[in-house]
């Protein structure tokens, strides 16, 4: 895992870099790879988002003005990506050990300890949701709650295992080829946004396609293999006592798995939101559908503080106040250096 930032106060952010160099910034929004620290207030109660690469999983959510206002006004946000999935990542050496799904979950605790964080709110998409759920089961005292988008909890079915093997072979022999990208896009998005011969594909699909081109095939292959060997964690879900909010699109290939996972969770602490005409990436396709459920979810913890200066508690910022440039590390002139966590080796 990689990480880079820690908030010092409501008005400044201190970046702890690998060589112990510190950079103090007076601004209130800092975007880093692959750990993102954004926002104001509640510095010790961050929403920690974990998913596929940040820009392909959470860009729609953070660029949605109302949702961004809710999150950036009330939380500091740390984003963790799998090794080799940060923007601009080099290919991982073939001799490096391949982390398992459990290794990835264990690496999260190192990130929390590095930044001095206590209990956090966790948000994850698909495989990231699985890893965060596993993390919450192993380190219950460090998780306030879970927001899971199209989550997984079972070991791969034979069909999923075979599908992943086909994608792994395509990746190994041909790299991020057109056929592989189509397979991934079908897994991520509904047909409404993927387009057809008459309707062009949406901008979010085009952006995701471009990001897939930038991924190193060896890095994607390692992560795909780790997830394809994930264990079934269904039996431990009943013992999960933190509150859990699940979103899933009704067109997602993981829709039935999300329903199954909801049935295994304690109903006193869990809720399911099914989003119509949407694929797995609810954060990208329909971020507005997440808004009101998240508001009530955060209010249950006393973490959401509605503004008194706006007619709408969900819109404290106007759209013009959230510019995409604010979420670009390059625009801030930051030279980013990731920290690396360890992978335990079996002797």
C-alpha atoms as a PDB file:
ATOM      1  CA  UNK A   1       0.000   0.000   0.000  1.00  0.00           C
ATOM      2  CA  UNK A   2       1.044   3.618  -0.451  1.00  0.00           C
ATOM      3  CA  UNK A   3       0.200   6.695   1.565  1.00  0.00           C
ATOM      4  CA  UNK A   4       1.301  10.278   1.923  1.00  0.00           C
ATOM      5  CA  UNK A   5      -0.538  12.765   4.132  1.00  0.00           C
ATOM      6  CA  UNK A   6      -1.654  13.586   7.664  1.00  0.00           C
ATOM      7  CA  UNK A   7      -3.799  16.541   8.749  1.00  0.00           C
ATOM      8  CA  UNK A   8      -2.354  18.591  11.618  1.00  0.00           C
ATOM      9  CA  UNK A   9      -5.302  20.930  12.173  1.00  0.00           C
ATOM     10  CA  UNK A  10      -8.454  22.207  10.560  1.00  0.00           C
ATOM     11  CA  UNK A  11      -6.533  24.818   8.572  1.00  0.00           C
ATOM     12  CA  UNK A  12      -3.318  23.135   7.525  1.00  0.00           C
ATOM     13  CA  UNK A  13      -2.021  19.816   6.319  1.00  0.00           C
ATOM     14  CA  UNK A  14       1.395  18.299   6.970  1.00  0.00           C
ATOM     15  CA  UNK A  15       2.724  15.830   4.434  1.00  0.00           C
ATOM     16  CA  UNK A  16       5.009  13.150   5.833  1.00  0.00           C
ATOM     17  CA  UNK A  17       7.183  11.914   2.989  1.00  0.00           C
ATOM     18  CA  UNK A  18       9.251   8.752   2.866  1.00  0.00           C
ATOM     19  CA  UNK A  19      12.518  10.513   3.710  1.00  0.00           C
ATOM     20  CA  UNK A  20      10.876  12.345   6.654  1.00  0.00           C
ATOM     21  CA  UNK A  21      10.774  15.616   4.700  1.00  0.00           C
ATOM     22  CA  UNK A  22       7.754  17.700   5.749  1.00  0.00           C
ATOM     23  CA  UNK A  23       5.802  20.167   3.653  1.00  0.00           C
ATOM     24  CA  UNK A  24       3.330  22.505   5.356  1.00  0.00           C
ATOM     25  CA  UNK A  25       0.433  23.791   3.306  1.00  0.00           C
ATOM     26  CA  UNK A  26      -2.038  26.436   4.267  1.00  0.00           C
ATOM     27  CA  UNK A  27      -4.725  25.251   1.866  1.00  0.00           C
ATOM     28  CA  UNK A  28      -7.604  23.062   2.901  1.00  0.00           C
ATOM     29  CA  UNK A  29      -7.568  20.573   0.035  1.00  0.00           C
ATOM     30  CA  UNK A  30      -4.609  18.312  -0.729  1.00  0.00           C
ATOM     31  CA  UNK A  31      -4.719  15.460  -3.216  1.00  0.00           C
ATOM     32  CA  UNK A  32      -1.970  12.874  -3.009  1.00  0.00           C
ATOM     33  CA  UNK A  33      -1.123   9.529  -4.538  1.00  0.00           C
ATOM     34  CA  UNK A  34      -2.162   7.147  -3.509  1.00  0.00           C
ATOM     35  CA  UNK A  35      -3.423   8.387  -0.221  1.00  0.00           C
ATOM     36  CA  UNK A  36      -5.750  11.354  -0.572  1.00  0.00           C
ATOM     37  CA  UNK A  37      -6.226  13.839   2.249  1.00  0.00           C
ATOM     38  CA  UNK A  38      -8.975  16.340   1.577  1.00  0.00           C
ATOM     39  CA  UNK A  39     -11.215  18.650   3.463  1.00  0.00           C
ATOM     40  CA  UNK A  40     -11.694  20.326   6.752  1.00  0.00           C
ATOM     41  CA  UNK A  41     -12.650  19.438  10.281  1.00  0.00           C
ATOM     42  CA  UNK A  42     -12.825  16.184  12.216  1.00  0.00           C
ATOM     43  CA  UNK A  43      -9.177  15.321  11.449  1.00  0.00           C
ATOM     44  CA  UNK A  44      -9.244  12.122  13.485  1.00  0.00           C
ATOM     45  CA  UNK A  45     -12.473  10.807  11.970  1.00  0.00           C
ATOM     46  CA  UNK A  46     -11.564  10.381   8.336  1.00  0.00           C
ATOM     47  CA  UNK A  47     -13.508   8.625   5.658  1.00  0.00           C
ATOM     48  CA  UNK A  48     -10.952   6.193   4.299  1.00  0.00           C
ATOM     49  CA  UNK A  49     -11.801   5.241   0.747  1.00  0.00           C
ATOM     50  CA  UNK A  50     -10.326   2.097  -0.736  1.00  0.00           C
ATOM     51  CA  UNK A  51     -11.111   0.769  -4.154  1.00  0.00           C
ATOM     52  CA  UNK A  52      -9.681   0.347  -7.585  1.00  0.00           C
ATOM     53  CA  UNK A  53      -7.550   3.322  -8.697  1.00  0.00           C
ATOM     54  CA  UNK A  54      -8.904   6.527  -7.120  1.00  0.00           C
ATOM     55  CA  UNK A  55      -9.602   8.403 -10.350  1.00  0.00           C
ATOM     56  CA  UNK A  56     -11.646   5.540 -11.820  1.00  0.00           C
ATOM     57  CA  UNK A  57     -13.677   4.792  -8.678  1.00  0.00           C
ATOM     58  CA  UNK A  58     -14.313   8.011  -6.791  1.00  0.00           C
ATOM     59  CA  UNK A  59     -13.877  10.807  -9.334  1.00  0.00           C
ATOM     60  CA  UNK A  60     -17.617  10.975 -10.043  1.00  0.00           C
ATOM     61  CA  UNK A  61     -18.448  11.089  -6.338  1.00  0.00           C
ATOM     62  CA  UNK A  62     -16.001  13.878  -5.558  1.00  0.00           C
ATOM     63  CA  UNK A  63     -16.881  15.886  -8.665  1.00  0.00           C
ATOM     64  CA  UNK A  64     -20.586  15.727  -7.778  1.00  0.00           C
ATOM     65  CA  UNK A  65     -20.971  19.119  -6.021  1.00  0.00           C
ATOM     66  CA  UNK A  66     -23.467  18.037  -3.365  1.00  0.00           C
ATOM     67  CA  UNK A  67     -21.666  14.814  -2.477  1.00  0.00           C
ATOM     68  CA  UNK A  68     -18.281  16.518  -2.510  1.00  0.00           C
ATOM     69  CA  UNK A  69     -19.664  19.195  -0.203  1.00  0.00           C
ATOM     70  CA  UNK A  70     -20.927  16.578   2.216  1.00  0.00           C
ATOM     71  CA  UNK A  71     -17.606  14.757   2.297  1.00  0.00           C
ATOM     72  CA  UNK A  72     -15.100  17.604   2.025  1.00  0.00           C
ATOM     73  CA  UNK A  73     -16.858  19.765   4.613  1.00  0.00           C
ATOM     74  CA  UNK A  74     -17.072  17.084   7.256  1.00  0.00           C
ATOM     75  CA  UNK A  75     -14.130  14.715   6.790  1.00  0.00           C
ATOM     76  CA  UNK A  76     -10.511  14.294   5.955  1.00  0.00           C
ATOM     77  CA  UNK A  77     -10.285  11.622   3.282  1.00  0.00           C
ATOM     78  CA  UNK A  78      -7.477   9.113   2.886  1.00  0.00           C
ATOM     79  CA  UNK A  79      -7.401   7.030  -0.260  1.00  0.00           C
ATOM     80  CA  UNK A  80      -5.479   3.771  -0.449  1.00  0.00           C
ATOM     81  CA  UNK A  81      -4.844   1.943  -3.708  1.00  0.00           C
ATOM     82  CA  UNK A  82      -3.416  -1.550  -4.211  1.00  0.00           C
ATOM     83  CA  UNK A  83       0.353  -1.678  -4.813  1.00  0.00           C
ATOM     84  CA  UNK A  84       1.191  -0.515  -8.323  1.00  0.00           C
ATOM     85  CA  UNK A  85      -2.204   1.103  -8.968  1.00  0.00           C
ATOM     86  CA  UNK A  86      -1.307   4.675  -8.061  1.00  0.00           C
ATOM     87  CA  UNK A  87      -1.137   7.104 -10.945  1.00  0.00           C
ATOM     88  CA  UNK A  88       2.223   6.930 -12.689  1.00  0.00           C
ATOM     89  CA  UNK A  89       3.206   3.665 -10.962  1.00  0.00           C
ATOM     90  CA  UNK A  90       6.090   1.706 -12.430  1.00  0.00           C
ATOM     91  CA  UNK A  91       5.834  -2.017 -13.086  1.00  0.00           C
ATOM     92  CA  UNK A  92       6.386  -4.084  -9.944  1.00  0.00           C
ATOM     93  CA  UNK A  93       9.390  -6.377 -10.045  1.00  0.00           C
ATOM     94  CA  UNK A  94       8.466  -9.967 -10.893  1.00  0.00           C
ATOM     95  CA  UNK A  95      10.531 -11.216  -7.923  1.00  0.00           C
ATOM     96  CA  UNK A  96       8.459  -9.268  -5.402  1.00  0.00           C
ATOM     97  CA  UNK A  97       6.026 -11.455  -3.434  1.00  0.00           C
ATOM     98  CA  UNK A  98       2.411 -11.311  -4.572  1.00  0.00           C
ATOM     99  CA  UNK A  99       0.248 -10.099  -1.647  1.00  0.00           C
ATOM    100  CA  UNK A 100      -2.895 -12.029  -0.842  1.00  0.00           C
ATOM    101  CA  UNK A 101      -6.214 -10.344  -0.091  1.00  0.00           C
ATOM    102  CA  UNK A 102      -5.442 -10.792   3.610  1.00  0.00           C
ATOM    103  CA  UNK A 103      -2.021  -9.166   3.134  1.00  0.00           C
ATOM    104  CA  UNK A 104      -3.718  -6.179   1.538  1.00  0.00           C
ATOM    105  CA  UNK A 105      -6.095  -5.906   4.500  1.00  0.00           C
ATOM    106  CA  UNK A 106      -3.191  -6.113   6.950  1.00  0.00           C
ATOM    107  CA  UNK A 107      -1.346  -3.339   5.135  1.00  0.00           C
ATOM    108  CA  UNK A 108      -4.186  -0.935   5.956  1.00  0.00           C
ATOM    109  CA  UNK A 109      -3.349  -1.038   9.663  1.00  0.00           C
ATOM    110  CA  UNK A 110       0.186   0.105   8.846  1.00  0.00           C
ATOM    111  CA  UNK A 111      -1.212   3.096   6.958  1.00  0.00           C
ATOM    112  CA  UNK A 112      -3.477   4.029   9.880  1.00  0.00           C
ATOM    113  CA  UNK A 113      -0.631   3.748  12.352  1.00  0.00           C
ATOM    114  CA  UNK A 114       1.693   5.745  10.119  1.00  0.00           C
ATOM    115  CA  UNK A 115      -0.736   8.669  10.074  1.00  0.00           C
ATOM    116  CA  UNK A 116      -1.698   8.300  13.729  1.00  0.00           C
ATOM    117  CA  UNK A 117      -5.353   7.581  12.956  1.00  0.00           C
ATOM    118  CA  UNK A 118      -7.650   5.819  15.386  1.00  0.00           C
ATOM    119  CA  UNK A 119     -11.051   4.515  14.297  1.00  0.00           C
ATOM    120  CA  UNK A 120     -12.059   5.494  10.759  1.00  0.00           C
ATOM    121  CA  UNK A 121     -15.056   5.328   8.454  1.00  0.00           C
ATOM    122  CA  UNK A 122     -14.309   3.091   5.464  1.00  0.00           C
ATOM    123  CA  UNK A 123     -15.608   3.268   1.903  1.00  0.00           C
ATOM    124  CA  UNK A 124     -14.746   0.672  -0.739  1.00  0.00           C
ATOM    125  CA  UNK A 125     -15.793  -0.389  -4.228  1.00  0.00           C
ATOM    126  CA  UNK A 126     -15.991  -4.039  -5.409  1.00  0.00           C
ATOM    127  CA  UNK A 127     -12.660  -5.688  -4.515  1.00  0.00           C
ATOM    128  CA  UNK A 128     -11.793  -2.711  -2.319  1.00  0.00           C
ATOM    129  CA  UNK A 129     -15.061  -3.262  -0.434  1.00  0.00           C
ATOM    130  CA  UNK A 130     -14.056  -6.898   0.149  1.00  0.00           C
ATOM    131  CA  UNK A 131     -10.634  -5.898   1.512  1.00  0.00           C
ATOM    132  CA  UNK A 132     -12.119  -3.252   3.827  1.00  0.00           C
ATOM    133  CA  UNK A 133     -14.707  -5.732   5.110  1.00  0.00           C
ATOM    134  CA  UNK A 134     -11.926  -8.200   5.845  1.00  0.00           C
ATOM    135  CA  UNK A 135     -10.008  -5.405   7.568  1.00  0.00           C
ATOM    136  CA  UNK A 136     -13.075  -4.512   9.693  1.00  0.00           C
ATOM    137  CA  UNK A 137     -13.442  -8.141  10.760  1.00  0.00           C
ATOM    138  CA  UNK A 138      -9.785  -8.364  11.845  1.00  0.00           C
ATOM    139  CA  UNK A 139      -9.433  -4.896  13.404  1.00  0.00           C
ATOM    140  CA  UNK A 140     -12.881  -4.080  14.753  1.00  0.00           C
ATOM    141  CA  UNK A 141     -11.689  -1.325  17.080  1.00  0.00           C
ATOM    142  CA  UNK A 142     -10.245   0.653  14.145  1.00  0.00           C
ATOM    143  CA  UNK A 143     -13.456   0.814  12.067  1.00  0.00           C
ATOM    144  CA  UNK A 144     -16.377   3.113  12.853  1.00  0.00           C
ATOM    145  CA  UNK A 145     -18.481   1.976   9.910  1.00  0.00           C
ATOM    146  CA  UNK A 146     -18.441   0.614   6.373  1.00  0.00           C
ATOM    147  CA  UNK A 147     -19.822   2.097   3.156  1.00  0.00           C
ATOM    148  CA  UNK A 148     -19.557  -0.654   0.552  1.00  0.00           C
ATOM    149  CA  UNK A 149     -20.301  -0.323  -3.168  1.00  0.00           C
ATOM    150  CA  UNK A 150     -21.038  -3.560  -5.063  1.00  0.00           C
ATOM    151  CA  UNK A 151     -19.177  -5.586  -2.427  1.00  0.00           C
ATOM    152  CA  UNK A 152     -17.880  -9.145  -2.519  1.00  0.00           C
ATOM    153  CA  UNK A 153     -17.886 -11.582   0.390  1.00  0.00           C
ATOM    154  CA  UNK A 154     -17.826 -15.076  -1.098  1.00  0.00           C
ATOM    155  CA  UNK A 155     -14.963 -16.908  -2.744  1.00  0.00           C
ATOM    156  CA  UNK A 156     -15.139 -16.644  -6.552  1.00  0.00           C
ATOM    157  CA  UNK A 157     -17.776 -18.824  -8.167  1.00  0.00           C
ATOM    158  CA  UNK A 158     -16.632 -21.138 -10.934  1.00  0.00           C
ATOM    159  CA  UNK A 159     -17.935 -18.711 -13.542  1.00  0.00           C
ATOM    160  CA  UNK A 160     -16.172 -15.720 -11.962  1.00  0.00           C
ATOM    161  CA  UNK A 161     -12.981 -17.739 -11.474  1.00  0.00           C
ATOM    162  CA  UNK A 162     -13.011 -18.779 -15.129  1.00  0.00           C
ATOM    163  CA  UNK A 163     -13.824 -15.236 -16.286  1.00  0.00           C
ATOM    164  CA  UNK A 164     -10.921 -13.877 -14.227  1.00  0.00           C
ATOM    165  CA  UNK A 165      -8.602 -16.544 -15.646  1.00  0.00           C
ATOM    166  CA  UNK A 166      -9.538 -15.545 -19.178  1.00  0.00           C
ATOM    167  CA  UNK A 167      -8.813 -11.907 -18.344  1.00  0.00           C
ATOM    168  CA  UNK A 168      -5.512 -12.893 -16.700  1.00  0.00           C
ATOM    169  CA  UNK A 169      -4.431 -14.760 -19.838  1.00  0.00           C
ATOM    170  CA  UNK A 170      -5.408 -11.834 -22.051  1.00  0.00           C
ATOM    171  CA  UNK A 171      -3.455  -9.527 -19.781  1.00  0.00           C
ATOM    172  CA  UNK A 172      -0.401 -11.780 -19.688  1.00  0.00           C
ATOM    173  CA  UNK A 173      -0.144 -12.356 -23.453  1.00  0.00           C
ATOM    174  CA  UNK A 174      -1.609  -9.172 -24.947  1.00  0.00           C
ATOM    175  CA  UNK A 175      -1.481  -6.532 -22.201  1.00  0.00           C
ATOM    176  CA  UNK A 176      -4.370  -4.101 -21.755  1.00  0.00           C
ATOM    177  CA  UNK A 177      -5.880  -4.960 -25.144  1.00  0.00           C
ATOM    178  CA  UNK A 178      -9.251  -3.836 -26.456  1.00  0.00           C
ATOM    179  CA  UNK A 179     -11.029  -7.098 -25.578  1.00  0.00           C
ATOM    180  CA  UNK A 180      -9.791  -7.000 -21.997  1.00  0.00           C
ATOM    181  CA  UNK A 181     -10.908  -3.410 -21.559  1.00  0.00           C
ATOM    182  CA  UNK A 182     -14.376  -4.348 -22.811  1.00  0.00           C
ATOM    183  CA  UNK A 183     -14.533  -7.183 -20.271  1.00  0.00           C
ATOM    184  CA  UNK A 184     -13.606  -4.810 -17.462  1.00  0.00           C
ATOM    185  CA  UNK A 185     -15.989  -2.073 -18.601  1.00  0.00           C
ATOM    186  CA  UNK A 186     -18.863  -4.573 -18.691  1.00  0.00           C
ATOM    187  CA  UNK A 187     -18.007  -5.480 -15.102  1.00  0.00           C
ATOM    188  CA  UNK A 188     -17.887  -1.830 -14.031  1.00  0.00           C
ATOM    189  CA  UNK A 189     -20.716  -0.064 -15.868  1.00  0.00           C
ATOM    190  CA  UNK A 190     -24.279  -0.600 -17.024  1.00  0.00           C
ATOM    191  CA  UNK A 191     -25.130  -0.826 -20.715  1.00  0.00           C
ATOM    192  CA  UNK A 192     -26.862   2.560 -20.479  1.00  0.00           C
ATOM    193  CA  UNK A 193     -23.507   4.344 -20.155  1.00  0.00           C
ATOM    194  CA  UNK A 194     -21.382   1.919 -22.182  1.00  0.00           C
ATOM    195  CA  UNK A 195     -23.264   2.943 -25.314  1.00  0.00           C
ATOM    196  CA  UNK A 196     -23.924   1.040 -28.537  1.00  0.00           C
ATOM    197  CA  UNK A 197     -23.847   1.541 -32.300  1.00  0.00           C
ATOM    198  CA  UNK A 198     -26.456   4.284 -32.028  1.00  0.00           C
ATOM    199  CA  UNK A 199     -25.491   5.921 -28.724  1.00  0.00           C
ATOM    200  CA  UNK A 200     -21.869   6.864 -27.972  1.00  0.00           C
ATOM    201  CA  UNK A 201     -20.378   5.727 -24.677  1.00  0.00           C
ATOM    202  CA  UNK A 202     -20.505   8.240 -21.843  1.00  0.00           C
ATOM    203  CA  UNK A 203     -17.639  10.423 -20.698  1.00  0.00           C
ATOM    204  CA  UNK A 204     -17.137   8.378 -17.540  1.00  0.00           C
ATOM    205  CA  UNK A 205     -16.594   5.232 -19.607  1.00  0.00           C
ATOM    206  CA  UNK A 206     -14.204   7.076 -21.916  1.00  0.00           C
ATOM    207  CA  UNK A 207     -12.266   8.355 -18.899  1.00  0.00           C
ATOM    208  CA  UNK A 208     -12.084   4.853 -17.401  1.00  0.00           C
ATOM    209  CA  UNK A 209     -10.920   3.420 -20.721  1.00  0.00           C
ATOM    210  CA  UNK A 210      -8.102   5.976 -20.800  1.00  0.00           C
ATOM    211  CA  UNK A 211      -7.085   5.152 -17.213  1.00  0.00           C
ATOM    212  CA  UNK A 212      -6.988   1.449 -18.037  1.00  0.00           C
ATOM    213  CA  UNK A 213      -4.499   2.230 -20.803  1.00  0.00           C
ATOM    214  CA  UNK A 214      -2.183   3.722 -18.172  1.00  0.00           C
ATOM    215  CA  UNK A 215      -2.123   0.638 -15.931  1.00  0.00           C
ATOM    216  CA  UNK A 216       0.932  -1.635 -16.006  1.00  0.00           C
ATOM    217  CA  UNK A 217      -0.155  -5.138 -16.964  1.00  0.00           C
ATOM    218  CA  UNK A 218       2.034  -6.872 -14.360  1.00  0.00           C
ATOM    219  CA  UNK A 219       0.557  -4.759 -11.560  1.00  0.00           C
ATOM    220  CA  UNK A 220      -3.029  -5.420 -12.642  1.00  0.00           C
ATOM    221  CA  UNK A 221      -2.290  -9.128 -13.069  1.00  0.00           C
ATOM    222  CA  UNK A 222      -0.952  -9.409  -9.497  1.00  0.00           C
ATOM    223  CA  UNK A 223      -4.026  -7.752  -8.043  1.00  0.00           C
ATOM    224  CA  UNK A 224      -6.402  -9.794 -10.198  1.00  0.00           C
ATOM    225  CA  UNK A 225      -4.722 -13.020  -9.085  1.00  0.00           C
ATOM    226  CA  UNK A 226      -4.947 -11.976  -5.419  1.00  0.00           C
ATOM    227  CA  UNK A 227      -8.679 -11.278  -5.683  1.00  0.00           C
ATOM    228  CA  UNK A 228      -9.284 -14.470  -7.659  1.00  0.00           C
ATOM    229  CA  UNK A 229      -7.861 -16.438  -4.705  1.00  0.00           C
ATOM    230  CA  UNK A 230      -9.833 -14.606  -2.019  1.00  0.00           C
ATOM    231  CA  UNK A 231     -11.370 -16.702   0.766  1.00  0.00           C
ATOM    232  CA  UNK A 232     -15.042 -16.746   1.694  1.00  0.00           C
ATOM    233  CA  UNK A 233     -15.681 -14.374   4.619  1.00  0.00           C
ATOM    234  CA  UNK A 234     -19.462 -14.887   4.843  1.00  0.00           C
ATOM    235  CA  UNK A 235     -19.404 -16.675   8.193  1.00  0.00           C
ATOM    236  CA  UNK A 236     -17.670 -13.780   9.912  1.00  0.00           C
ATOM    237  CA  UNK A 237     -20.164 -11.145   8.787  1.00  0.00           C
ATOM    238  CA  UNK A 238     -22.607 -11.790  11.648  1.00  0.00           C
ATOM    239  CA  UNK A 239     -19.852 -10.850  14.103  1.00  0.00           C
ATOM    240  CA  UNK A 240     -19.319  -7.527  12.365  1.00  0.00           C
ATOM    241  CA  UNK A 241     -20.825  -4.984  14.769  1.00  0.00           C
ATOM    242  CA  UNK A 242     -20.014  -1.737  12.974  1.00  0.00           C
ATOM    243  CA  UNK A 243     -22.795  -0.159  10.928  1.00  0.00           C
ATOM    244  CA  UNK A 244     -22.696  -1.053   7.240  1.00  0.00           C
ATOM    245  CA  UNK A 245     -24.298   0.766   4.311  1.00  0.00           C
ATOM    246  CA  UNK A 246     -24.297  -1.148   1.011  1.00  0.00           C
ATOM    247  CA  UNK A 247     -24.929   0.319  -2.449  1.00  0.00           C
ATOM    248  CA  UNK A 248     -25.323  -1.809  -5.563  1.00  0.00           C
ATOM    249  CA  UNK A 249     -26.607  -1.160  -9.064  1.00  0.00           C
ATOM    250  CA  UNK A 250     -29.325  -3.484 -10.293  1.00  0.00           C
ATOM    251  CA  UNK A 251     -27.290  -4.057 -13.489  1.00  0.00           C
ATOM    252  CA  UNK A 252     -24.123  -4.955 -11.607  1.00  0.00           C
ATOM    253  CA  UNK A 253     -22.755  -8.496 -12.058  1.00  0.00           C
ATOM    254  CA  UNK A 254     -22.237  -8.402  -8.273  1.00  0.00           C
ATOM    255  CA  UNK A 255     -25.878  -7.564  -7.514  1.00  0.00           C
ATOM    256  CA  UNK A 256     -26.747 -11.027  -6.202  1.00  0.00           C
ATOM    257  CA  UNK A 257     -23.584 -11.093  -4.101  1.00  0.00           C
ATOM    258  CA  UNK A 258     -24.515  -7.771  -2.489  1.00  0.00           C
ATOM    259  CA  UNK A 259     -27.957  -9.164  -1.629  1.00  0.00           C
ATOM    260  CA  UNK A 260     -26.346 -12.290  -0.204  1.00  0.00           C
ATOM    261  CA  UNK A 261     -23.923 -10.236   1.872  1.00  0.00           C
ATOM    262  CA  UNK A 262     -26.777  -8.120   3.239  1.00  0.00           C
ATOM    263  CA  UNK A 263     -28.601 -11.281   4.322  1.00  0.00           C
ATOM    264  CA  UNK A 264     -25.529 -12.391   6.271  1.00  0.00           C
ATOM    265  CA  UNK A 265     -25.054  -9.098   8.122  1.00  0.00           C
ATOM    266  CA  UNK A 266     -26.807  -8.254  11.364  1.00  0.00           C
ATOM    267  CA  UNK A 267     -29.930  -6.385  10.245  1.00  0.00           C
ATOM    268  CA  UNK A 268     -29.705  -4.065  13.240  1.00  0.00           C
ATOM    269  CA  UNK A 269     -26.503  -2.580  11.879  1.00  0.00           C
ATOM    270  CA  UNK A 270     -26.859  -2.809   8.088  1.00  0.00           C
ATOM    271  CA  UNK A 271     -28.837  -1.284   5.211  1.00  0.00           C
ATOM    272  CA  UNK A 272     -28.991  -1.939   1.465  1.00  0.00           C
ATOM    273  CA  UNK A 273     -29.587   0.643  -1.277  1.00  0.00           C
ATOM    274  CA  UNK A 274     -30.297  -0.753  -4.750  1.00  0.00           C
ATOM    275  CA  UNK A 275     -29.803   1.766  -7.555  1.00  0.00           C
ATOM    276  CA  UNK A 276     -31.823   1.297 -10.727  1.00  0.00           C
ATOM    277  CA  UNK A 277     -30.246   1.336 -14.207  1.00  0.00           C
ATOM    278  CA  UNK A 278     -26.754   1.321 -12.733  1.00  0.00           C
ATOM    279  CA  UNK A 279     -23.749  -0.984 -12.853  1.00  0.00           C
ATOM    280  CA  UNK A 280     -21.114  -1.727 -10.204  1.00  0.00           C
ATOM    281  CA  UNK A 281     -19.631   1.774 -10.118  1.00  0.00           C
ATOM    282  CA  UNK A 282     -22.458   3.615  -8.374  1.00  0.00           C
ATOM    283  CA  UNK A 283     -19.876   6.216  -7.324  1.00  0.00           C
ATOM    284  CA  UNK A 284     -19.336   7.031 -11.009  1.00  0.00           C
ATOM    285  CA  UNK A 285     -22.683   6.404 -12.685  1.00  0.00           C
ATOM    286  CA  UNK A 286     -25.107   7.750 -10.090  1.00  0.00           C
ATOM    287  CA  UNK A 287     -23.284   9.477  -7.212  1.00  0.00           C
ATOM    288  CA  UNK A 288     -26.421  11.510  -6.428  1.00  0.00           C
ATOM    289  CA  UNK A 289     -28.190   8.272  -5.442  1.00  0.00           C
ATOM    290  CA  UNK A 290     -25.654   7.875  -2.630  1.00  0.00           C
ATOM    291  CA  UNK A 291     -26.194  11.313  -1.159  1.00  0.00           C
ATOM    292  CA  UNK A 292     -29.235  11.047   1.133  1.00  0.00           C
ATOM    293  CA  UNK A 293     -28.405   7.533   2.450  1.00  0.00           C
ATOM    294  CA  UNK A 294     -24.887   8.725   3.311  1.00  0.00           C
ATOM    295  CA  UNK A 295     -26.249  11.816   5.055  1.00  0.00           C
ATOM    296  CA  UNK A 296     -28.439   9.723   7.353  1.00  0.00           C
ATOM    297  CA  UNK A 297     -25.644   7.215   7.843  1.00  0.00           C
ATOM    298  CA  UNK A 298     -23.207   9.924   8.980  1.00  0.00           C
ATOM    299  CA  UNK A 299     -25.818  11.691  11.099  1.00  0.00           C
ATOM    300  CA  UNK A 300     -26.294   8.438  13.034  1.00  0.00           C
ATOM    301  CA  UNK A 301     -22.684   8.810  14.161  1.00  0.00           C
ATOM    302  CA  UNK A 302     -22.921  12.539  14.775  1.00  0.00           C
ATOM    303  CA  UNK A 303     -20.291  13.021  12.070  1.00  0.00           C
ATOM    304  CA  UNK A 304     -22.386  15.107   9.689  1.00  0.00           C
ATOM    305  CA  UNK A 305     -22.833  18.778  10.509  1.00  0.00           C
ATOM    306  CA  UNK A 306     -25.386  20.433   8.191  1.00  0.00           C
ATOM    307  CA  UNK A 307     -24.510  23.987   7.251  1.00  0.00           C
ATOM    308  CA  UNK A 308     -26.730  26.784   8.483  1.00  0.00           C
ATOM    309  CA  UNK A 309     -25.802  29.063   5.589  1.00  0.00           C
ATOM    310  CA  UNK A 310     -27.511  27.201   2.761  1.00  0.00           C
ATOM    311  CA  UNK A 311     -31.103  26.422   1.858  1.00  0.00           C
ATOM    312  CA  UNK A 312     -30.022  22.845   1.229  1.00  0.00           C
ATOM    313  CA  UNK A 313     -27.964  20.953   3.845  1.00  0.00           C
ATOM    314  CA  UNK A 314     -26.556  18.926   0.964  1.00  0.00           C
ATOM    315  CA  UNK A 315     -25.268  21.895  -1.029  1.00  0.00           C
ATOM    316  CA  UNK A 316     -23.042  24.115   1.169  1.00  0.00           C
ATOM    317  CA  UNK A 317     -20.817  24.691  -1.860  1.00  0.00           C
ATOM    318  CA  UNK A 318     -21.887  25.869  -5.272  1.00  0.00           C
ATOM    319  CA  UNK A 319     -20.649  23.823  -8.255  1.00  0.00           C
ATOM    320  CA  UNK A 320     -18.202  26.578  -9.144  1.00  0.00           C
ATOM    321  CA  UNK A 321     -16.501  26.167  -5.766  1.00  0.00           C
ATOM    322  CA  UNK A 322     -15.330  22.654  -6.548  1.00  0.00           C
ATOM    323  CA  UNK A 323     -13.004  22.794  -9.483  1.00  0.00           C
ATOM    324  CA  UNK A 324     -11.393  19.645 -10.875  1.00  0.00           C
ATOM    325  CA  UNK A 325      -8.090  21.496 -10.720  1.00  0.00           C
ATOM    326  CA  UNK A 326      -8.328  21.440  -6.917  1.00  0.00           C
ATOM    327  CA  UNK A 327      -8.106  17.664  -7.073  1.00  0.00           C
ATOM    328  CA  UNK A 328      -4.915  17.656  -9.114  1.00  0.00           C
ATOM    329  CA  UNK A 329      -1.581  17.245  -7.294  1.00  0.00           C
ATOM    330  CA  UNK A 330       0.272  18.616 -10.297  1.00  0.00           C
ATOM    331  CA  UNK A 331      -1.551  21.929 -10.024  1.00  0.00           C
ATOM    332  CA  UNK A 332      -0.245  22.279  -6.471  1.00  0.00           C
ATOM    333  CA  UNK A 333       3.340  21.636  -7.476  1.00  0.00           C
ATOM    334  CA  UNK A 334       3.678  18.636  -5.180  1.00  0.00           C
ATOM    335  CA  UNK A 335       6.471  16.156  -5.647  1.00  0.00           C
ATOM    336  CA  UNK A 336       4.951  12.972  -4.272  1.00  0.00           C
ATOM    337  CA  UNK A 337       6.894  10.140  -2.741  1.00  0.00           C
ATOM    338  CA  UNK A 338       4.932   7.050  -1.581  1.00  0.00           C
ATOM    339  CA  UNK A 339       5.589   5.199   1.635  1.00  0.00           C
ATOM    340  CA  UNK A 340       5.657   1.433   1.380  1.00  0.00           C
ATOM    341  CA  UNK A 341       4.253  -1.103   3.786  1.00  0.00           C
ATOM    342  CA  UNK A 342       5.602  -4.564   4.280  1.00  0.00           C
ATOM    343  CA  UNK A 343       4.321  -7.931   3.077  1.00  0.00           C
ATOM    344  CA  UNK A 344       4.871 -10.796   5.476  1.00  0.00           C
ATOM    345  CA  UNK A 345       6.787 -13.699   3.975  1.00  0.00           C
ATOM    346  CA  UNK A 346       6.328 -17.330   4.879  1.00  0.00           C
ATOM    347  CA  UNK A 347       9.643 -19.009   5.723  1.00  0.00           C
END
